[in-house]
Amino acid sequence: MAAPPSANILNLSGTWILNRQLSDDFDSTFQLQGISWPIRKILSWAGVALHLTQTSAPSSSSPGKPPVTTITAKQTITPGGFNSEEAYVLDNSVKHASLPIFGAVSVRTRYTPLDEIEDAELRERLAKDGATVAIQEFAESKGGDWKTEGVWGFEVVGGERRFTRTNITTGRGERVVARLAYDYRT
């Protein structure tokens, strides 16, 4: 189902279901991130649901500054038992987490103007929706074996407006790009 008109990068609250038919194959990304073959195969068939809640609150560390946005993401993967819950605080500060599939990672997230996104094709696709900003997520494995830049936004995919997450993963001299497209569920 297409994203409702009310959904945008400033209002992601809702349930988003990964549409595998409209998404890129993610196996090369997982392989670069060191995920084992059996786990990659499970994930290639699993259903993925993102339950997002987006809130804003005044900055406790910097009174008078703009409110800080937090996106709470509950990811459900069926089957597999790789469920996770993360809080993305869009203040560009580094957070450390341990994720079921990836282990120890450092992550930072922020709003970023589209003109600061390096990938020109991605910038164009996001701009077609009328956006001027996107969410940028930077993740790095504890050992530094891989880094992923994720760009969240809205694009027309399969003839409908959808929430997308484009991941650019680098490591061991390789670079892999994969876009995930999500259906909105009421």
C-alpha atoms as a PDB file:
ATOM      1  CA  MET A   1       0.000   0.000   0.000  1.00  0.00           C
ATOM      2  CA  ALA A   2       1.274   3.452  -0.870  1.00  0.00           C
ATOM      3  CA  ALA A   3       2.374   5.847   1.842  1.00  0.00           C
ATOM      4  CA  PRO A   4      -0.446   8.168   2.907  1.00  0.00           C
ATOM      5  CA  PRO A   5      -0.037  11.866   2.049  1.00  0.00           C
ATOM      6  CA  SER A   6       0.399  12.635   5.771  1.00  0.00           C
ATOM      7  CA  ALA A   7       3.535  10.468   5.967  1.00  0.00           C
ATOM      8  CA  ASN A   8       6.791  12.273   5.318  1.00  0.00           C
ATOM      9  CA  ILE A   9      10.298  12.430   6.727  1.00  0.00           C
ATOM     10  CA  LEU A  10       9.004  14.564   9.620  1.00  0.00           C
ATOM     11  CA  ASN A  11       6.154  12.095  10.308  1.00  0.00           C
ATOM     12  CA  LEU A  12       7.198   8.458   9.897  1.00  0.00           C
ATOM     13  CA  SER A  13       4.947   7.070  12.633  1.00  0.00           C
ATOM     14  CA  GLY A  14       3.170   3.933  11.481  1.00  0.00           C
ATOM     15  CA  THR A  15       3.808   0.370  10.412  1.00  0.00           C
ATOM     16  CA  TRP A  16       5.944  -0.225   7.335  1.00  0.00           C
ATOM     17  CA  ILE A  17       6.210  -3.663   5.699  1.00  0.00           C
ATOM     18  CA  LEU A  18       9.224  -4.503   3.530  1.00  0.00           C
ATOM     19  CA  ASN A  19       8.111  -5.069  -0.074  1.00  0.00           C
ATOM     20  CA  ARG A  20      10.635  -7.607  -1.371  1.00  0.00           C
ATOM     21  CA  GLN A  21       9.391  -7.388  -4.967  1.00  0.00           C
ATOM     22  CA  LEU A  22      10.165  -3.669  -5.097  1.00  0.00           C
ATOM     23  CA  SER A  23      13.359  -3.795  -3.016  1.00  0.00           C
ATOM     24  CA  ASP A  24      16.877  -4.561  -4.151  1.00  0.00           C
ATOM     25  CA  ASP A  25      18.456  -7.877  -3.212  1.00  0.00           C
ATOM     26  CA  PHE A  26      20.180  -7.353   0.129  1.00  0.00           C
ATOM     27  CA  ASP A  27      22.353 -10.499   0.144  1.00  0.00           C
ATOM     28  CA  SER A  28      25.516  -8.725  -1.073  1.00  0.00           C
ATOM     29  CA  THR A  29      25.138  -6.128   1.682  1.00  0.00           C
ATOM     30  CA  PHE A  30      24.748  -8.789   4.375  1.00  0.00           C
ATOM     31  CA  GLN A  31      27.694 -10.719   2.951  1.00  0.00           C
ATOM     32  CA  LEU A  32      29.903  -7.610   3.099  1.00  0.00           C
ATOM     33  CA  GLN A  33      28.761  -7.121   6.710  1.00  0.00           C
ATOM     34  CA  GLY A  34      29.958 -10.623   7.580  1.00  0.00           C
ATOM     35  CA  ILE A  35      26.542 -12.250   8.042  1.00  0.00           C
ATOM     36  CA  SER A  36      26.753 -16.038   7.659  1.00  0.00           C
ATOM     37  CA  TRP A  37      25.173 -17.803   4.679  1.00  0.00           C
ATOM     38  CA  PRO A  38      22.432 -19.601   6.727  1.00  0.00           C
ATOM     39  CA  ILE A  39      21.342 -16.339   8.371  1.00  0.00           C
ATOM     40  CA  ARG A  40      21.376 -14.534   5.003  1.00  0.00           C
ATOM     41  CA  LYS A  41      19.105 -17.229   3.540  1.00  0.00           C
ATOM     42  CA  ILE A  42      16.639 -16.946   6.444  1.00  0.00           C
ATOM     43  CA  LEU A  43      16.603 -13.162   6.082  1.00  0.00           C
ATOM     44  CA  SER A  44      16.102 -13.368   2.307  1.00  0.00           C
ATOM     45  CA  TRP A  45      12.694 -15.015   2.863  1.00  0.00           C
ATOM     46  CA  ALA A  46      11.643 -13.502   6.184  1.00  0.00           C
ATOM     47  CA  GLY A  47       8.886 -10.951   6.558  1.00  0.00           C
ATOM     48  CA  VAL A  48      10.077  -7.616   7.936  1.00  0.00           C
ATOM     49  CA  ALA A  49       7.847  -5.080   9.673  1.00  0.00           C
ATOM     50  CA  LEU A  50       9.016  -1.723  11.027  1.00  0.00           C
ATOM     51  CA  HIS A  51       6.812  -0.159  13.690  1.00  0.00           C
ATOM     52  CA  LEU A  52       7.969   3.474  13.844  1.00  0.00           C
ATOM     53  CA  THR A  53       7.024   6.120  16.392  1.00  0.00           C
ATOM     54  CA  GLN A  54       8.427   9.601  15.801  1.00  0.00           C
ATOM     55  CA  THR A  55       8.461  12.195  18.589  1.00  0.00           C
ATOM     56  CA  SER A  56      10.128  15.540  19.288  1.00  0.00           C
ATOM     57  CA  ALA A  57      11.157  16.967  22.649  1.00  0.00           C
ATOM     58  CA  PRO A  58      13.084  20.008  23.810  1.00  0.00           C
ATOM     59  CA  SER A  59      16.830  19.471  23.998  1.00  0.00           C
ATOM     60  CA  SER A  60      17.763  18.778  27.627  1.00  0.00           C
ATOM     61  CA  SER A  61      21.442  19.528  27.036  1.00  0.00           C
ATOM     62  CA  SER A  62      20.953  22.752  25.066  1.00  0.00           C
ATOM     63  CA  PRO A  63      17.998  24.877  26.222  1.00  0.00           C
ATOM     64  CA  GLY A  64      16.814  27.221  23.491  1.00  0.00           C
ATOM     65  CA  LYS A  65      17.938  24.867  20.727  1.00  0.00           C
ATOM     66  CA  PRO A  66      15.445  23.270  18.318  1.00  0.00           C
ATOM     67  CA  PRO A  67      13.606  20.175  19.599  1.00  0.00           C
ATOM     68  CA  VAL A  68      15.339  16.826  19.186  1.00  0.00           C
ATOM     69  CA  THR A  69      13.528  14.173  17.148  1.00  0.00           C
ATOM     70  CA  THR A  70      13.567  10.539  18.231  1.00  0.00           C
ATOM     71  CA  ILE A  71      12.349   7.640  16.113  1.00  0.00           C
ATOM     72  CA  THR A  72      11.628   4.468  18.044  1.00  0.00           C
ATOM     73  CA  ALA A  73      11.868   1.516  15.659  1.00  0.00           C
ATOM     74  CA  LYS A  74      10.561  -1.909  16.594  1.00  0.00           C
ATOM     75  CA  GLN A  75      11.657  -4.295  13.866  1.00  0.00           C
ATOM     76  CA  THR A  76       9.880  -7.643  13.679  1.00  0.00           C
ATOM     77  CA  ILE A  77      11.400 -10.376  11.506  1.00  0.00           C
ATOM     78  CA  THR A  78       9.291 -13.489  10.916  1.00  0.00           C
ATOM     79  CA  PRO A  79      10.574 -16.193  11.139  1.00  0.00           C
ATOM     80  CA  GLY A  80      14.003 -15.810  12.581  1.00  0.00           C
ATOM     81  CA  GLY A  81      13.802 -14.301  16.037  1.00  0.00           C
ATOM     82  CA  PHE A  82      15.962 -11.351  14.972  1.00  0.00           C
ATOM     83  CA  ASN A  83      13.582  -8.765  16.379  1.00  0.00           C
ATOM     84  CA  SER A  84      15.069  -5.542  17.680  1.00  0.00           C
ATOM     85  CA  GLU A  85      14.094  -2.211  19.129  1.00  0.00           C
ATOM     86  CA  GLU A  86      16.179   0.881  18.580  1.00  0.00           C
ATOM     87  CA  ALA A  87      15.831   4.557  19.385  1.00  0.00           C
ATOM     88  CA  TYR A  88      17.252   6.787  16.664  1.00  0.00           C
ATOM     89  CA  VAL A  89      17.974  10.208  18.174  1.00  0.00           C
ATOM     90  CA  LEU A  90      18.423  12.589  15.253  1.00  0.00           C
ATOM     91  CA  ASP A  91      21.100  14.734  16.890  1.00  0.00           C
ATOM     92  CA  ASN A  92      24.143  13.272  15.064  1.00  0.00           C
ATOM     93  CA  SER A  93      25.657  11.978  18.318  1.00  0.00           C
ATOM     94  CA  VAL A  94      27.275   8.538  18.350  1.00  0.00           C
ATOM     95  CA  LYS A  95      25.327   5.781  20.105  1.00  0.00           C
ATOM     96  CA  HIS A  96      26.640   2.286  20.768  1.00  0.00           C
ATOM     97  CA  ALA A  97      24.350  -0.711  20.396  1.00  0.00           C
ATOM     98  CA  SER A  98      24.402  -4.471  20.155  1.00  0.00           C
ATOM     99  CA  LEU A  99      22.102  -5.765  17.420  1.00  0.00           C
ATOM    100  CA  PRO A 100      21.007  -9.399  17.061  1.00  0.00           C
ATOM    101  CA  ILE A 101      22.423  -9.832  13.561  1.00  0.00           C
ATOM    102  CA  PHE A 102      25.357  -7.408  13.511  1.00  0.00           C
ATOM    103  CA  GLY A 103      26.725  -7.491  17.048  1.00  0.00           C
ATOM    104  CA  ALA A 104      28.359  -4.336  18.422  1.00  0.00           C
ATOM    105  CA  VAL A 105      27.929  -1.247  16.253  1.00  0.00           C
ATOM    106  CA  SER A 106      28.168   2.514  16.599  1.00  0.00           C
ATOM    107  CA  VAL A 107      25.353   4.518  15.033  1.00  0.00           C
ATOM    108  CA  ARG A 108      24.556   8.182  14.521  1.00  0.00           C
ATOM    109  CA  THR A 109      21.523   9.690  12.821  1.00  0.00           C
ATOM    110  CA  ARG A 110      20.488  13.135  11.711  1.00  0.00           C
ATOM    111  CA  TYR A 111      18.314  15.144   9.395  1.00  0.00           C
ATOM    112  CA  THR A 112      20.395  16.283   6.455  1.00  0.00           C
ATOM    113  CA  PRO A 113      19.601  18.631   3.559  1.00  0.00           C
ATOM    114  CA  LEU A 114      19.215  16.744   0.283  1.00  0.00           C
ATOM    115  CA  ASP A 115      21.982  18.781  -1.326  1.00  0.00           C
ATOM    116  CA  GLU A 116      24.442  17.246   1.175  1.00  0.00           C
ATOM    117  CA  ILE A 117      23.714  13.691   0.009  1.00  0.00           C
ATOM    118  CA  GLU A 118      26.619  12.653  -2.207  1.00  0.00           C
ATOM    119  CA  ASP A 119      24.771  10.186  -4.460  1.00  0.00           C
ATOM    120  CA  ALA A 120      23.239  12.388  -7.196  1.00  0.00           C
ATOM    121  CA  GLU A 121      20.773   9.740  -8.419  1.00  0.00           C
ATOM    122  CA  LEU A 122      19.447   9.147  -4.895  1.00  0.00           C
ATOM    123  CA  ARG A 123      19.208  12.908  -4.301  1.00  0.00           C
ATOM    124  CA  GLU A 124      17.109  13.273  -7.480  1.00  0.00           C
ATOM    125  CA  ARG A 125      14.763  10.412  -6.565  1.00  0.00           C
ATOM    126  CA  LEU A 126      14.111  11.898  -3.119  1.00  0.00           C
ATOM    127  CA  ALA A 127      13.664  15.431  -4.488  1.00  0.00           C
ATOM    128  CA  LYS A 128      10.878  14.253  -6.826  1.00  0.00           C
ATOM    129  CA  ASP A 129       8.701  13.810  -3.721  1.00  0.00           C
ATOM    130  CA  GLY A 130       9.232  17.485  -2.890  1.00  0.00           C
ATOM    131  CA  ALA A 131      11.545  16.763   0.035  1.00  0.00           C
ATOM    132  CA  THR A 132      14.326  19.126   1.034  1.00  0.00           C
ATOM    133  CA  VAL A 133      15.713  16.919   3.831  1.00  0.00           C
ATOM    134  CA  ALA A 134      16.243  13.219   4.455  1.00  0.00           C
ATOM    135  CA  ILE A 135      17.321  11.150   7.424  1.00  0.00           C
ATOM    136  CA  GLN A 136      20.893   9.972   7.274  1.00  0.00           C
ATOM    137  CA  GLU A 137      22.034   7.031   9.400  1.00  0.00           C
ATOM    138  CA  PHE A 138      25.692   6.093   9.760  1.00  0.00           C
ATOM    139  CA  ALA A 139      26.523   2.664  11.202  1.00  0.00           C
ATOM    140  CA  GLU A 140      29.921   1.059  11.708  1.00  0.00           C
ATOM    141  CA  SER A 141      30.847  -2.367  13.026  1.00  0.00           C
ATOM    142  CA  LYS A 142      32.832  -2.403  16.257  1.00  0.00           C
ATOM    143  CA  GLY A 143      35.852  -3.842  14.468  1.00  0.00           C
ATOM    144  CA  GLY A 144      35.504  -1.323  11.636  1.00  0.00           C
ATOM    145  CA  ASP A 145      35.140  -4.105   9.065  1.00  0.00           C
ATOM    146  CA  TRP A 146      32.240  -2.304   7.380  1.00  0.00           C
ATOM    147  CA  LYS A 147      30.401   1.023   7.340  1.00  0.00           C
ATOM    148  CA  THR A 148      26.874   1.694   6.137  1.00  0.00           C
ATOM    149  CA  GLU A 149      25.305   5.020   5.240  1.00  0.00           C
ATOM    150  CA  GLY A 150      21.529   4.716   5.212  1.00  0.00           C
ATOM    151  CA  VAL A 151      19.358   7.406   3.651  1.00  0.00           C
ATOM    152  CA  TRP A 152      15.669   7.410   4.580  1.00  0.00           C
ATOM    153  CA  GLY A 153      13.071   9.197   2.492  1.00  0.00           C
ATOM    154  CA  PHE A 154      10.098   8.839   0.170  1.00  0.00           C
ATOM    155  CA  GLU A 155      10.209   7.876  -3.493  1.00  0.00           C
ATOM    156  CA  VAL A 156       7.855   6.684  -6.200  1.00  0.00           C
ATOM    157  CA  VAL A 157       8.569   2.956  -6.526  1.00  0.00           C
ATOM    158  CA  GLY A 158       6.313   0.613  -8.491  1.00  0.00           C
ATOM    159  CA  GLY A 159       4.108   3.547  -9.447  1.00  0.00           C
ATOM    160  CA  GLU A 160       3.313   4.494  -5.832  1.00  0.00           C
ATOM    161  CA  ARG A 161       4.853   6.753  -3.218  1.00  0.00           C
ATOM    162  CA  ARG A 162       6.740   4.640  -0.658  1.00  0.00           C
ATOM    163  CA  PHE A 163       9.038   4.983   2.320  1.00  0.00           C
ATOM    164  CA  THR A 164      12.539   3.864   1.286  1.00  0.00           C
ATOM    165  CA  ARG A 165      15.850   3.213   2.973  1.00  0.00           C
ATOM    166  CA  THR A 166      18.857   3.207   0.653  1.00  0.00           C
ATOM    167  CA  ASN A 167      21.970   1.655   2.174  1.00  0.00           C
ATOM    168  CA  ILE A 168      25.489   2.262   0.883  1.00  0.00           C
ATOM    169  CA  THR A 169      27.822  -0.255   2.532  1.00  0.00           C
ATOM    170  CA  THR A 170      31.603  -0.251   2.205  1.00  0.00           C
ATOM    171  CA  GLY A 171      34.289  -2.574   3.503  1.00  0.00           C
ATOM    172  CA  ARG A 172      37.235  -4.693   2.367  1.00  0.00           C
ATOM    173  CA  GLY A 173      37.587  -2.555  -0.756  1.00  0.00           C
ATOM    174  CA  GLU A 174      33.978  -3.149  -1.846  1.00  0.00           C
ATOM    175  CA  ARG A 175      30.920  -0.896  -2.159  1.00  0.00           C
ATOM    176  CA  VAL A 176      27.340  -2.212  -2.284  1.00  0.00           C
ATOM    177  CA  VAL A 177      24.165  -0.130  -2.714  1.00  0.00           C
ATOM    178  CA  ALA A 178      20.703  -1.520  -1.980  1.00  0.00           C
ATOM    179  CA  ARG A 179      17.318   0.186  -1.665  1.00  0.00           C
ATOM    180  CA  LEU A 180      14.569  -1.200   0.544  1.00  0.00           C
ATOM    181  CA  ALA A 181      10.999  -0.138  -0.303  1.00  0.00           C
ATOM    182  CA  TYR A 182       8.208  -0.369   2.259  1.00  0.00           C
ATOM    183  CA  ASP A 183       4.423  -0.631   2.075  1.00  0.00           C
ATOM    184  CA  TYR A 184       2.329   1.305   4.580  1.00  0.00           C
ATOM    185  CA  ARG A 185      -0.011  -0.749   6.724  1.00  0.00           C
ATOM    186  CA  THR A 186      -2.893   0.762   8.650  1.00  0.00           C
END
